[in-house]
Amino acid sequence: MFWIGVMSYVSENSKFEGRTLKHGIIIATYTFSLLIGWGLIIILKKSTDRLHRYLLFVVPILFNLFAILIGQLYIEDNSDTYDRDIIWFRPNSVFKGFIDLFKNKYKGFSIVLATLIICQSVIVARIGSEYEIIMQYISKSFMWYHDDHIYFSVIKMLAIIFGTMFSVFVLSYNMKIHDLAIGISACIIYIIAAILYIVLNQFWKIFIISMIYLCHGSAVTITISLTSKIMDNDQLGRFYSIQTCMNTALTFGLVKAYETATDNRFYSKFGHFSLMILMYVILTIPILFVFIILYSKYKNFWIRDTARTSRTRQQTVYVTRT
């Protein structure tokens, strides 16, 4: 819920041309926070011995209280007025609210929105599945013990942060490259990296994995930004809600389906390479085609009045027939 609220608030209060940058900063901050959390856990384990089991519950509670305090003191509540009747808790109202997301007077809007939601769910599910499946084989085959795995985890998190900030700050914000073009580039890198991972030796595999992680933050940020830029202000919260639910369900389903179908054969070299091709070639090619089609035929969906902020002026979409 906190993630949904943060993304909605930032989207509603950001200028159109700067929204991709803001989303990238949020994702990079989230990744950096994971590193801080890991560091705190190690410090607590080494300094408090058996007491760290109890302190592990105290630390997140304190951080949550700190976040609430910051929100109350520094975050302005500029949300729209709403009916405080709890009718919106009723299932029919919730379902209708989600259906209304796809209603728009512009031709092709519902198809574009549904396609982007599916693409983002596939990207996020792939990343979540990778943590549970691919990294298990890599740790075993590279004979990484506890410390080695931690070091590589830090490197891959830093790669996500660097890739995210480079794509949104340099490519999107400064060079004004279209989000779809950045997404196309990330998909191409995914495919090339997966092929190189299979043919190269173990030493180069580490660099290939780092290259893949460079694209993770970019891919997630771009798909979130693309979808949020075509949504109305009052629909952003509902959009992030349904997107988060789909991401979680698809990630869980993909992991369980693969483990059941293969009976843990991903521990073999052939199974591992097959999974790499599935995750980064077969699942990426449809997303690449979607981005190319959207860039060539529906790019005008993302032409907006760049002078306004989402909260102060009504969004305007100009759609040109091709």
C-alpha atoms as a PDB file:
ATOM      1  CA  MET A   1       0.000   0.000   0.000  1.00  0.00           C
ATOM      2  CA  PHE A   2       2.860   2.374   0.800  1.00  0.00           C
ATOM      3  CA  TRP A   3       4.400   1.729  -2.629  1.00  0.00           C
ATOM      4  CA  ILE A   4       1.085   2.403  -4.372  1.00  0.00           C
ATOM      5  CA  GLY A   5       0.603   5.627  -2.434  1.00  0.00           C
ATOM      6  CA  VAL A   6       4.109   6.908  -3.175  1.00  0.00           C
ATOM      7  CA  MET A   7       3.902   6.171  -6.900  1.00  0.00           C
ATOM      8  CA  SER A   8       0.451   7.752  -7.174  1.00  0.00           C
ATOM      9  CA  TYR A   9       1.428  10.892  -5.263  1.00  0.00           C
ATOM     10  CA  VAL A  10       4.629  11.438  -7.245  1.00  0.00           C
ATOM     11  CA  SER A  11       2.878  10.845 -10.574  1.00  0.00           C
ATOM     12  CA  GLU A  12       0.076  13.272  -9.770  1.00  0.00           C
ATOM     13  CA  ASN A  13       2.470  16.024  -8.702  1.00  0.00           C
ATOM     14  CA  SER A  14       5.117  15.714 -11.418  1.00  0.00           C
ATOM     15  CA  LYS A  15       5.436  17.528 -14.697  1.00  0.00           C
ATOM     16  CA  PHE A  16       4.821  15.304 -17.677  1.00  0.00           C
ATOM     17  CA  GLU A  17       8.372  15.463 -19.024  1.00  0.00           C
ATOM     18  CA  GLY A  18       9.875  14.777 -15.594  1.00  0.00           C
ATOM     19  CA  ARG A  19       7.695  11.858 -14.561  1.00  0.00           C
ATOM     20  CA  THR A  20      10.062   9.206 -15.910  1.00  0.00           C
ATOM     21  CA  LEU A  21      12.907  10.738 -13.900  1.00  0.00           C
ATOM     22  CA  LYS A  22      10.814  10.767 -10.719  1.00  0.00           C
ATOM     23  CA  HIS A  23       9.821   7.128 -11.173  1.00  0.00           C
ATOM     24  CA  GLY A  24      13.452   6.183 -11.727  1.00  0.00           C
ATOM     25  CA  ILE A  25      14.507   7.965  -8.542  1.00  0.00           C
ATOM     26  CA  ILE A  26      11.850   6.073  -6.550  1.00  0.00           C
ATOM     27  CA  ILE A  27      12.946   2.691  -7.912  1.00  0.00           C
ATOM     28  CA  ALA A  28      16.635   3.505  -7.367  1.00  0.00           C
ATOM     29  CA  THR A  29      15.859   4.641  -3.813  1.00  0.00           C
ATOM     30  CA  TYR A  30      13.958   1.420  -3.158  1.00  0.00           C
ATOM     31  CA  THR A  31      16.918  -0.647  -4.381  1.00  0.00           C
ATOM     32  CA  PHE A  32      19.378   1.408  -2.334  1.00  0.00           C
ATOM     33  CA  SER A  33      17.165   0.930   0.723  1.00  0.00           C
ATOM     34  CA  LEU A  34      17.491  -2.831   0.331  1.00  0.00           C
ATOM     35  CA  LEU A  35      21.261  -2.468   0.613  1.00  0.00           C
ATOM     36  CA  ILE A  36      20.823  -0.411   3.779  1.00  0.00           C
ATOM     37  CA  GLY A  37      18.502  -3.069   5.192  1.00  0.00           C
ATOM     38  CA  TRP A  38      20.983  -5.849   4.483  1.00  0.00           C
ATOM     39  CA  GLY A  39      23.722  -3.833   6.138  1.00  0.00           C
ATOM     40  CA  LEU A  40      21.622  -3.252   9.244  1.00  0.00           C
ATOM     41  CA  ILE A  41      20.858  -6.958   9.517  1.00  0.00           C
ATOM     42  CA  ILE A  42      24.554  -7.856   9.386  1.00  0.00           C
ATOM     43  CA  ILE A  43      25.407  -5.190  11.969  1.00  0.00           C
ATOM     44  CA  LEU A  44      22.671  -6.398  14.311  1.00  0.00           C
ATOM     45  CA  LYS A  45      23.740 -10.025  13.980  1.00  0.00           C
ATOM     46  CA  LYS A  46      27.372  -9.286  14.758  1.00  0.00           C
ATOM     47  CA  SER A  47      26.854  -6.732  17.516  1.00  0.00           C
ATOM     48  CA  THR A  48      23.885  -8.066  19.466  1.00  0.00           C
ATOM     49  CA  ASP A  49      24.383 -11.834  19.226  1.00  0.00           C
ATOM     50  CA  ARG A  50      21.047 -13.480  20.100  1.00  0.00           C
ATOM     51  CA  LEU A  51      19.184 -10.214  20.632  1.00  0.00           C
ATOM     52  CA  HIS A  52      19.147  -9.492  16.889  1.00  0.00           C
ATOM     53  CA  ARG A  53      16.121 -11.790  16.517  1.00  0.00           C
ATOM     54  CA  TYR A  54      14.063  -9.329  18.528  1.00  0.00           C
ATOM     55  CA  LEU A  55      15.657  -6.192  17.117  1.00  0.00           C
ATOM     56  CA  LEU A  56      14.826  -7.296  13.568  1.00  0.00           C
ATOM     57  CA  PHE A  57      11.192  -6.568  14.389  1.00  0.00           C
ATOM     58  CA  VAL A  58      11.942  -3.303  16.159  1.00  0.00           C
ATOM     59  CA  VAL A  59      13.933  -1.746  13.291  1.00  0.00           C
ATOM     60  CA  PRO A  60      11.173  -1.914  10.625  1.00  0.00           C
ATOM     61  CA  ILE A  61       8.650  -0.631  13.155  1.00  0.00           C
ATOM     62  CA  LEU A  62      10.851   2.392  13.867  1.00  0.00           C
ATOM     63  CA  PHE A  63      11.387   3.033  10.155  1.00  0.00           C
ATOM     64  CA  ASN A  64       7.651   2.867   9.492  1.00  0.00           C
ATOM     65  CA  LEU A  65       6.968   5.309  12.319  1.00  0.00           C
ATOM     66  CA  PHE A  66       9.639   7.600  10.893  1.00  0.00           C
ATOM     67  CA  ALA A  67       8.001   7.416   7.450  1.00  0.00           C
ATOM     68  CA  ILE A  68       4.607   8.279   8.953  1.00  0.00           C
ATOM     69  CA  LEU A  69       6.140  11.250  10.765  1.00  0.00           C
ATOM     70  CA  ILE A  70       7.737  12.573   7.576  1.00  0.00           C
ATOM     71  CA  GLY A  71       4.474  12.146   5.711  1.00  0.00           C
ATOM     72  CA  GLN A  72       2.539  14.089   8.314  1.00  0.00           C
ATOM     73  CA  LEU A  73       5.045  16.934   8.592  1.00  0.00           C
ATOM     74  CA  TYR A  74       6.309  17.459   5.053  1.00  0.00           C
ATOM     75  CA  ILE A  75       3.858  15.884   2.583  1.00  0.00           C
ATOM     76  CA  GLU A  76       0.968  18.093   1.515  1.00  0.00           C
ATOM     77  CA  ASP A  77      -2.389  16.392   1.148  1.00  0.00           C
ATOM     78  CA  ASN A  78      -3.618  17.740  -2.187  1.00  0.00           C
ATOM     79  CA  SER A  79      -5.848  14.802  -3.050  1.00  0.00           C
ATOM     80  CA  ASP A  80      -9.244  15.366  -4.595  1.00  0.00           C
ATOM     81  CA  THR A  81     -12.290  15.546  -2.373  1.00  0.00           C
ATOM     82  CA  TYR A  82     -14.120  12.264  -2.079  1.00  0.00           C
ATOM     83  CA  ASP A  83     -17.233  10.807  -0.541  1.00  0.00           C
ATOM     84  CA  ARG A  84     -16.314   9.371   2.844  1.00  0.00           C
ATOM     85  CA  ASP A  85     -19.081   6.809   2.575  1.00  0.00           C
ATOM     86  CA  ILE A  86     -17.449   3.368   2.541  1.00  0.00           C
ATOM     87  CA  ILE A  87     -19.354   2.360  -0.590  1.00  0.00           C
ATOM     88  CA  TRP A  88     -16.013   2.054  -2.368  1.00  0.00           C
ATOM     89  CA  PHE A  89     -15.251  -0.958  -0.180  1.00  0.00           C
ATOM     90  CA  ARG A  90     -18.037  -2.907  -1.845  1.00  0.00           C
ATOM     91  CA  PRO A  91     -16.806  -5.469  -4.431  1.00  0.00           C
ATOM     92  CA  ASN A  92     -19.040  -4.111  -7.194  1.00  0.00           C
ATOM     93  CA  SER A  93     -17.649  -0.610  -6.759  1.00  0.00           C
ATOM     94  CA  VAL A  94     -14.054  -1.852  -6.738  1.00  0.00           C
ATOM     95  CA  PHE A  95     -14.590  -3.955  -9.864  1.00  0.00           C
ATOM     96  CA  LYS A  96     -16.314  -1.083 -11.652  1.00  0.00           C
ATOM     97  CA  GLY A  97     -13.429   1.216 -10.739  1.00  0.00           C
ATOM     98  CA  PHE A  98     -10.949  -1.131 -12.393  1.00  0.00           C
ATOM     99  CA  ILE A  99     -13.109  -1.526 -15.503  1.00  0.00           C
ATOM    100  CA  ASP A 100     -13.341   2.251 -15.836  1.00  0.00           C
ATOM    101  CA  LEU A 101      -9.569   2.380 -16.310  1.00  0.00           C
ATOM    102  CA  PHE A 102      -9.986   1.025 -19.816  1.00  0.00           C
ATOM    103  CA  LYS A 103     -12.758   3.414 -20.831  1.00  0.00           C
ATOM    104  CA  ASN A 104     -11.488   6.282 -22.960  1.00  0.00           C
ATOM    105  CA  LYS A 105     -12.822   8.176 -25.943  1.00  0.00           C
ATOM    106  CA  TYR A 106      -9.614   7.753 -27.904  1.00  0.00           C
ATOM    107  CA  LYS A 107      -9.350   4.921 -30.369  1.00  0.00           C
ATOM    108  CA  GLY A 108      -7.049   2.116 -29.326  1.00  0.00           C
ATOM    109  CA  PHE A 109      -6.573   3.383 -25.760  1.00  0.00           C
ATOM    110  CA  SER A 110      -7.876   0.256 -24.015  1.00  0.00           C
ATOM    111  CA  ILE A 111      -5.683  -2.008 -26.165  1.00  0.00           C
ATOM    112  CA  VAL A 112      -2.575   0.085 -25.534  1.00  0.00           C
ATOM    113  CA  LEU A 113      -3.236   0.224 -21.779  1.00  0.00           C
ATOM    114  CA  ALA A 114      -3.925  -3.503 -21.440  1.00  0.00           C
ATOM    115  CA  THR A 115      -0.822  -4.329 -23.484  1.00  0.00           C
ATOM    116  CA  LEU A 116       1.420  -2.127 -21.335  1.00  0.00           C
ATOM    117  CA  ILE A 117       0.019  -3.608 -18.109  1.00  0.00           C
ATOM    118  CA  ILE A 118       0.719  -7.133 -19.372  1.00  0.00           C
ATOM    119  CA  CYS A 119       4.228  -6.171 -20.497  1.00  0.00           C
ATOM    120  CA  GLN A 120       5.083  -4.706 -17.116  1.00  0.00           C
ATOM    121  CA  SER A 121       3.693  -7.744 -15.305  1.00  0.00           C
ATOM    122  CA  VAL A 122       5.856 -10.036 -17.438  1.00  0.00           C
ATOM    123  CA  ILE A 123       8.964  -7.919 -16.780  1.00  0.00           C
ATOM    124  CA  VAL A 124       8.417  -7.778 -13.018  1.00  0.00           C
ATOM    125  CA  ALA A 125       7.471 -11.466 -12.816  1.00  0.00           C
ATOM    126  CA  ARG A 126      10.619 -12.356 -14.717  1.00  0.00           C
ATOM    127  CA  ILE A 127      12.768 -10.408 -12.260  1.00  0.00           C
ATOM    128  CA  GLY A 128      11.012 -11.964  -9.265  1.00  0.00           C
ATOM    129  CA  SER A 129      11.320 -15.458 -10.709  1.00  0.00           C
ATOM    130  CA  GLU A 130      14.972 -14.892 -11.455  1.00  0.00           C
ATOM    131  CA  TYR A 131      15.730 -14.296  -7.776  1.00  0.00           C
ATOM    132  CA  GLU A 132      14.085 -17.598  -6.837  1.00  0.00           C
ATOM    133  CA  ILE A 133      15.247 -19.821  -9.703  1.00  0.00           C
ATOM    134  CA  ILE A 134      18.207 -18.572 -11.729  1.00  0.00           C
ATOM    135  CA  MET A 135      20.291 -17.285  -8.818  1.00  0.00           C
ATOM    136  CA  GLN A 136      20.036 -20.676  -7.097  1.00  0.00           C
ATOM    137  CA  TYR A 137      21.846 -22.370  -9.968  1.00  0.00           C
ATOM    138  CA  ILE A 138      24.390 -19.558 -10.325  1.00  0.00           C
ATOM    139  CA  SER A 139      25.328 -19.728  -6.644  1.00  0.00           C
ATOM    140  CA  LYS A 140      25.727 -23.497  -6.871  1.00  0.00           C
ATOM    141  CA  SER A 141      27.663 -23.623 -10.150  1.00  0.00           C
ATOM    142  CA  PHE A 142      30.005 -20.773  -9.202  1.00  0.00           C
ATOM    143  CA  MET A 143      30.485 -22.371  -5.756  1.00  0.00           C
ATOM    144  CA  TRP A 144      29.630 -19.130  -4.034  1.00  0.00           C
ATOM    145  CA  TYR A 145      29.407 -19.387  -0.304  1.00  0.00           C
ATOM    146  CA  HIS A 146      27.625 -16.974   2.005  1.00  0.00           C
ATOM    147  CA  ASP A 147      30.018 -14.020   1.693  1.00  0.00           C
ATOM    148  CA  ASP A 148      30.519 -14.422  -2.068  1.00  0.00           C
ATOM    149  CA  HIS A 149      26.780 -14.408  -2.653  1.00  0.00           C
ATOM    150  CA  ILE A 150      26.385 -11.271  -0.535  1.00  0.00           C
ATOM    151  CA  TYR A 151      29.112  -9.472  -2.477  1.00  0.00           C
ATOM    152  CA  PHE A 152      27.493 -10.318  -5.790  1.00  0.00           C
ATOM    153  CA  SER A 153      24.072  -9.301  -4.478  1.00  0.00           C
ATOM    154  CA  VAL A 154      25.500  -5.883  -3.624  1.00  0.00           C
ATOM    155  CA  ILE A 155      27.026  -5.607  -7.106  1.00  0.00           C
ATOM    156  CA  LYS A 156      23.766  -6.489  -8.841  1.00  0.00           C
ATOM    157  CA  MET A 157      21.823  -3.996  -6.711  1.00  0.00           C
ATOM    158  CA  LEU A 158      24.324  -1.270  -7.594  1.00  0.00           C
ATOM    159  CA  ALA A 159      23.949  -2.275 -11.254  1.00  0.00           C
ATOM    160  CA  ILE A 160      20.178  -1.802 -11.004  1.00  0.00           C
ATOM    161  CA  ILE A 161      20.652   1.644  -9.437  1.00  0.00           C
ATOM    162  CA  PHE A 162      23.198   2.728 -12.051  1.00  0.00           C
ATOM    163  CA  GLY A 163      21.148   1.393 -14.969  1.00  0.00           C
ATOM    164  CA  THR A 164      18.000   3.073 -13.691  1.00  0.00           C
ATOM    165  CA  MET A 165      19.591   6.475 -13.131  1.00  0.00           C
ATOM    166  CA  PHE A 166      21.471   6.394 -16.441  1.00  0.00           C
ATOM    167  CA  SER A 167      18.354   5.594 -18.452  1.00  0.00           C
ATOM    168  CA  VAL A 168      16.058   8.108 -16.766  1.00  0.00           C
ATOM    169  CA  PHE A 169      18.491  10.962 -16.042  1.00  0.00           C
ATOM    170  CA  VAL A 170      20.790  10.819 -19.076  1.00  0.00           C
ATOM    171  CA  LEU A 171      18.679   9.219 -21.805  1.00  0.00           C
ATOM    172  CA  SER A 172      15.174  10.383 -20.885  1.00  0.00           C
ATOM    173  CA  TYR A 173      15.571  13.663 -18.990  1.00  0.00           C
ATOM    174  CA  ASN A 174      18.664  15.200 -20.617  1.00  0.00           C
ATOM    175  CA  MET A 175      18.792  13.637 -24.087  1.00  0.00           C
ATOM    176  CA  LYS A 176      14.961  13.640 -24.405  1.00  0.00           C
ATOM    177  CA  ILE A 177      14.907  10.132 -25.847  1.00  0.00           C
ATOM    178  CA  HIS A 178      11.391   8.695 -25.972  1.00  0.00           C
ATOM    179  CA  ASP A 179      10.550   6.143 -23.282  1.00  0.00           C
ATOM    180  CA  LEU A 180       9.575   3.598 -25.922  1.00  0.00           C
ATOM    181  CA  ALA A 181      12.978   3.932 -27.604  1.00  0.00           C
ATOM    182  CA  ILE A 182      14.676   3.276 -24.251  1.00  0.00           C
ATOM    183  CA  GLY A 183      12.447   0.239 -23.741  1.00  0.00           C
ATOM    184  CA  ILE A 184      13.354  -1.094 -27.197  1.00  0.00           C
ATOM    185  CA  SER A 185      17.057  -0.729 -26.403  1.00  0.00           C
ATOM    186  CA  ALA A 186      16.655  -2.558 -23.078  1.00  0.00           C
ATOM    187  CA  CYS A 187      14.857  -5.463 -24.767  1.00  0.00           C
ATOM    188  CA  ILE A 188      17.600  -5.793 -27.385  1.00  0.00           C
ATOM    189  CA  ILE A 189      20.258  -5.840 -24.652  1.00  0.00           C
ATOM    190  CA  TYR A 190      18.308  -8.547 -22.800  1.00  0.00           C
ATOM    191  CA  ILE A 191      18.270 -10.798 -25.878  1.00  0.00           C
ATOM    192  CA  ILE A 192      21.945 -10.260 -26.727  1.00  0.00           C
ATOM    193  CA  ALA A 193      22.998 -10.802 -23.108  1.00  0.00           C
ATOM    194  CA  ALA A 194      21.077 -14.090 -22.845  1.00  0.00           C
ATOM    195  CA  ILE A 195      22.714 -15.468 -25.996  1.00  0.00           C
ATOM    196  CA  LEU A 196      26.197 -14.391 -24.878  1.00  0.00           C
ATOM    197  CA  TYR A 197      25.584 -15.919 -21.449  1.00  0.00           C
ATOM    198  CA  ILE A 198      25.139 -19.341 -23.028  1.00  0.00           C
ATOM    199  CA  VAL A 199      28.165 -19.275 -25.347  1.00  0.00           C
ATOM    200  CA  LEU A 200      30.737 -17.566 -23.074  1.00  0.00           C
ATOM    201  CA  ASN A 201      32.712 -19.111 -20.229  1.00  0.00           C
ATOM    202  CA  GLN A 202      32.062 -18.709 -16.525  1.00  0.00           C
ATOM    203  CA  PHE A 203      34.334 -15.688 -16.090  1.00  0.00           C
ATOM    204  CA  TRP A 204      32.357 -13.603 -18.603  1.00  0.00           C
ATOM    205  CA  LYS A 205      29.016 -14.845 -17.300  1.00  0.00           C
ATOM    206  CA  ILE A 206      29.393 -12.564 -14.271  1.00  0.00           C
ATOM    207  CA  PHE A 207      29.685  -9.522 -16.533  1.00  0.00           C
ATOM    208  CA  ILE A 208      26.716 -10.679 -18.607  1.00  0.00           C
ATOM    209  CA  ILE A 209      24.584 -11.034 -15.479  1.00  0.00           C
ATOM    210  CA  SER A 210      25.601  -7.520 -14.428  1.00  0.00           C
ATOM    211  CA  MET A 211      24.558  -6.262 -17.874  1.00  0.00           C
ATOM    212  CA  ILE A 212      21.146  -7.867 -17.400  1.00  0.00           C
ATOM    213  CA  TYR A 213      20.735  -6.164 -14.035  1.00  0.00           C
ATOM    214  CA  LEU A 214      21.654  -2.828 -15.607  1.00  0.00           C
ATOM    215  CA  CYS A 215      18.487  -3.180 -17.691  1.00  0.00           C
ATOM    216  CA  HIS A 216      16.160  -4.321 -14.897  1.00  0.00           C
ATOM    217  CA  GLY A 217      15.545  -0.938 -13.327  1.00  0.00           C
ATOM    218  CA  SER A 218      15.252   0.726 -16.731  1.00  0.00           C
ATOM    219  CA  ALA A 219      12.669  -1.749 -17.988  1.00  0.00           C
ATOM    220  CA  VAL A 220      10.446  -1.461 -14.916  1.00  0.00           C
ATOM    221  CA  THR A 221      10.716   2.339 -14.790  1.00  0.00           C
ATOM    222  CA  ILE A 222       9.931   2.779 -18.471  1.00  0.00           C
ATOM    223  CA  THR A 223       6.822   0.577 -18.416  1.00  0.00           C
ATOM    224  CA  ILE A 224       5.498   2.306 -15.273  1.00  0.00           C
ATOM    225  CA  SER A 225       6.131   5.738 -16.761  1.00  0.00           C
ATOM    226  CA  LEU A 226       4.588   4.914 -20.134  1.00  0.00           C
ATOM    227  CA  THR A 227       1.374   3.693 -18.551  1.00  0.00           C
ATOM    228  CA  SER A 228       1.066   6.486 -15.995  1.00  0.00           C
ATOM    229  CA  LYS A 229       1.448   9.143 -18.692  1.00  0.00           C
ATOM    230  CA  ILE A 230      -1.714   8.040 -20.488  1.00  0.00           C
ATOM    231  CA  MET A 231      -3.818   7.735 -17.325  1.00  0.00           C
ATOM    232  CA  ASP A 232      -6.046  10.432 -15.853  1.00  0.00           C
ATOM    233  CA  ASN A 233      -5.073  11.790 -12.454  1.00  0.00           C
ATOM    234  CA  ASP A 234      -7.958  10.227 -10.549  1.00  0.00           C
ATOM    235  CA  GLN A 235      -7.167   6.793 -12.015  1.00  0.00           C
ATOM    236  CA  LEU A 236      -3.503   6.516 -11.021  1.00  0.00           C
ATOM    237  CA  GLY A 237      -4.168   4.915  -7.631  1.00  0.00           C
ATOM    238  CA  ARG A 238      -6.421   2.276  -9.150  1.00  0.00           C
ATOM    239  CA  PHE A 239      -3.902   1.617 -11.912  1.00  0.00           C
ATOM    240  CA  TYR A 240      -1.012   1.044  -9.497  1.00  0.00           C
ATOM    241  CA  SER A 241      -3.243  -1.215  -7.385  1.00  0.00           C
ATOM    242  CA  ILE A 242      -4.200  -3.526 -10.224  1.00  0.00           C
ATOM    243  CA  GLN A 243      -0.649  -3.483 -11.589  1.00  0.00           C
ATOM    244  CA  THR A 244       0.839  -4.497  -8.234  1.00  0.00           C
ATOM    245  CA  CYS A 245      -1.683  -7.322  -7.813  1.00  0.00           C
ATOM    246  CA  MET A 246      -0.945  -8.661 -11.295  1.00  0.00           C
ATOM    247  CA  ASN A 247       2.812  -8.473 -10.749  1.00  0.00           C
ATOM    248  CA  THR A 248       2.610 -10.416  -7.484  1.00  0.00           C
ATOM    249  CA  ALA A 249       0.235 -13.074  -8.794  1.00  0.00           C
ATOM    250  CA  LEU A 250       2.193 -13.642 -12.006  1.00  0.00           C
ATOM    251  CA  THR A 251       5.532 -13.871 -10.178  1.00  0.00           C
ATOM    252  CA  PHE A 252       4.207 -16.441  -7.720  1.00  0.00           C
ATOM    253  CA  GLY A 253       2.452 -18.401 -10.464  1.00  0.00           C
ATOM    254  CA  LEU A 254       5.500 -18.455 -12.746  1.00  0.00           C
ATOM    255  CA  VAL A 255       7.823 -19.761 -10.033  1.00  0.00           C
ATOM    256  CA  LYS A 256       5.424 -22.479  -8.880  1.00  0.00           C
ATOM    257  CA  ALA A 257       4.510 -23.517 -12.426  1.00  0.00           C
ATOM    258  CA  TYR A 258       8.136 -23.868 -13.482  1.00  0.00           C
ATOM    259  CA  GLU A 259       9.136 -25.787 -10.350  1.00  0.00           C
ATOM    260  CA  THR A 260       6.182 -28.142 -10.789  1.00  0.00           C
ATOM    261  CA  ALA A 261       6.693 -28.670 -14.518  1.00  0.00           C
ATOM    262  CA  THR A 262      10.446 -29.250 -14.357  1.00  0.00           C
ATOM    263  CA  ASP A 263      10.645 -30.976 -10.959  1.00  0.00           C
ATOM    264  CA  ASN A 264      13.642 -28.798  -9.997  1.00  0.00           C
ATOM    265  CA  ARG A 265      15.561 -29.674 -13.183  1.00  0.00           C
ATOM    266  CA  PHE A 266      16.707 -26.039 -13.385  1.00  0.00           C
ATOM    267  CA  TYR A 267      19.664 -27.176 -11.258  1.00  0.00           C
ATOM    268  CA  SER A 268      21.076 -28.885 -14.368  1.00  0.00           C
ATOM    269  CA  LYS A 269      23.146 -26.936 -16.877  1.00  0.00           C
ATOM    270  CA  PHE A 270      20.739 -27.621 -19.740  1.00  0.00           C
ATOM    271  CA  GLY A 271      17.739 -26.627 -17.658  1.00  0.00           C
ATOM    272  CA  HIS A 272      19.475 -23.443 -16.553  1.00  0.00           C
ATOM    273  CA  PHE A 273      20.329 -22.422 -20.131  1.00  0.00           C
ATOM    274  CA  SER A 274      16.791 -23.253 -21.256  1.00  0.00           C
ATOM    275  CA  LEU A 275      15.435 -21.022 -18.506  1.00  0.00           C
ATOM    276  CA  MET A 276      17.713 -18.165 -19.575  1.00  0.00           C
ATOM    277  CA  ILE A 277      16.418 -18.445 -23.150  1.00  0.00           C
ATOM    278  CA  LEU A 278      12.834 -18.578 -21.903  1.00  0.00           C
ATOM    279  CA  MET A 279      13.179 -15.600 -19.558  1.00  0.00           C
ATOM    280  CA  TYR A 280      15.293 -13.247 -21.647  1.00  0.00           C
ATOM    281  CA  VAL A 281      14.629 -14.241 -25.264  1.00  0.00           C
ATOM    282  CA  ILE A 282      11.229 -15.891 -25.631  1.00  0.00           C
ATOM    283  CA  LEU A 283       9.489 -13.611 -23.108  1.00  0.00           C
ATOM    284  CA  THR A 284      11.357 -10.523 -24.318  1.00  0.00           C
ATOM    285  CA  ILE A 285      10.666 -10.806 -28.055  1.00  0.00           C
ATOM    286  CA  PRO A 286       6.880 -10.135 -27.711  1.00  0.00           C
ATOM    287  CA  ILE A 287       7.599  -7.124 -25.483  1.00  0.00           C
ATOM    288  CA  LEU A 288      10.116  -5.851 -28.037  1.00  0.00           C
ATOM    289  CA  PHE A 289       7.532  -6.132 -30.827  1.00  0.00           C
ATOM    290  CA  VAL A 290       4.963  -4.326 -28.661  1.00  0.00           C
ATOM    291  CA  PHE A 291       7.341  -1.424 -28.025  1.00  0.00           C
ATOM    292  CA  ILE A 292       8.238  -1.199 -31.721  1.00  0.00           C
ATOM    293  CA  ILE A 293       4.575  -1.160 -32.778  1.00  0.00           C
ATOM    294  CA  LEU A 294       3.668   1.428 -30.136  1.00  0.00           C
ATOM    295  CA  TYR A 295       6.618   3.596 -31.151  1.00  0.00           C
ATOM    296  CA  SER A 296       5.730   3.466 -34.848  1.00  0.00           C
ATOM    297  CA  LYS A 297       1.926   3.731 -34.668  1.00  0.00           C
ATOM    298  CA  TYR A 298       0.836   5.021 -31.245  1.00  0.00           C
ATOM    299  CA  LYS A 299       3.639   7.355 -30.197  1.00  0.00           C
ATOM    300  CA  ASN A 300       1.212  10.284 -30.262  1.00  0.00           C
ATOM    301  CA  PHE A 301      -0.535   8.865 -27.200  1.00  0.00           C
ATOM    302  CA  TRP A 302       2.341  10.343 -25.202  1.00  0.00           C
ATOM    303  CA  ILE A 303       2.259  13.855 -26.693  1.00  0.00           C
ATOM    304  CA  ARG A 304       1.130  16.157 -23.885  1.00  0.00           C
ATOM    305  CA  ASP A 305       1.290  19.756 -22.793  1.00  0.00           C
ATOM    306  CA  THR A 306       4.765  19.801 -21.249  1.00  0.00           C
ATOM    307  CA  ALA A 307       4.168  23.071 -19.388  1.00  0.00           C
ATOM    308  CA  ARG A 308       1.612  21.739 -16.939  1.00  0.00           C
ATOM    309  CA  THR A 309       1.755  19.616 -13.855  1.00  0.00           C
ATOM    310  CA  SER A 310      -0.696  16.771 -13.503  1.00  0.00           C
ATOM    311  CA  ARG A 311      -2.507  18.455 -10.620  1.00  0.00           C
ATOM    312  CA  THR A 312      -2.858  21.971 -11.979  1.00  0.00           C
ATOM    313  CA  ARG A 313      -4.103  21.467 -15.500  1.00  0.00           C
ATOM    314  CA  GLN A 314      -6.255  18.979 -17.291  1.00  0.00           C
ATOM    315  CA  GLN A 315      -4.358  16.393 -19.289  1.00  0.00           C
ATOM    316  CA  THR A 316      -4.768  16.598 -23.035  1.00  0.00           C
ATOM    317  CA  VAL A 317      -4.084  13.805 -25.458  1.00  0.00           C
ATOM    318  CA  TYR A 318      -3.554  14.466 -29.127  1.00  0.00           C
ATOM    319  CA  VAL A 319      -4.014  11.425 -31.303  1.00  0.00           C
ATOM    320  CA  THR A 320      -3.124  11.679 -34.955  1.00  0.00           C
ATOM    321  CA  ARG A 321      -4.416   9.134 -37.370  1.00  0.00           C
ATOM    322  CA  THR A 322      -1.679   7.265 -39.149  1.00  0.00           C
END
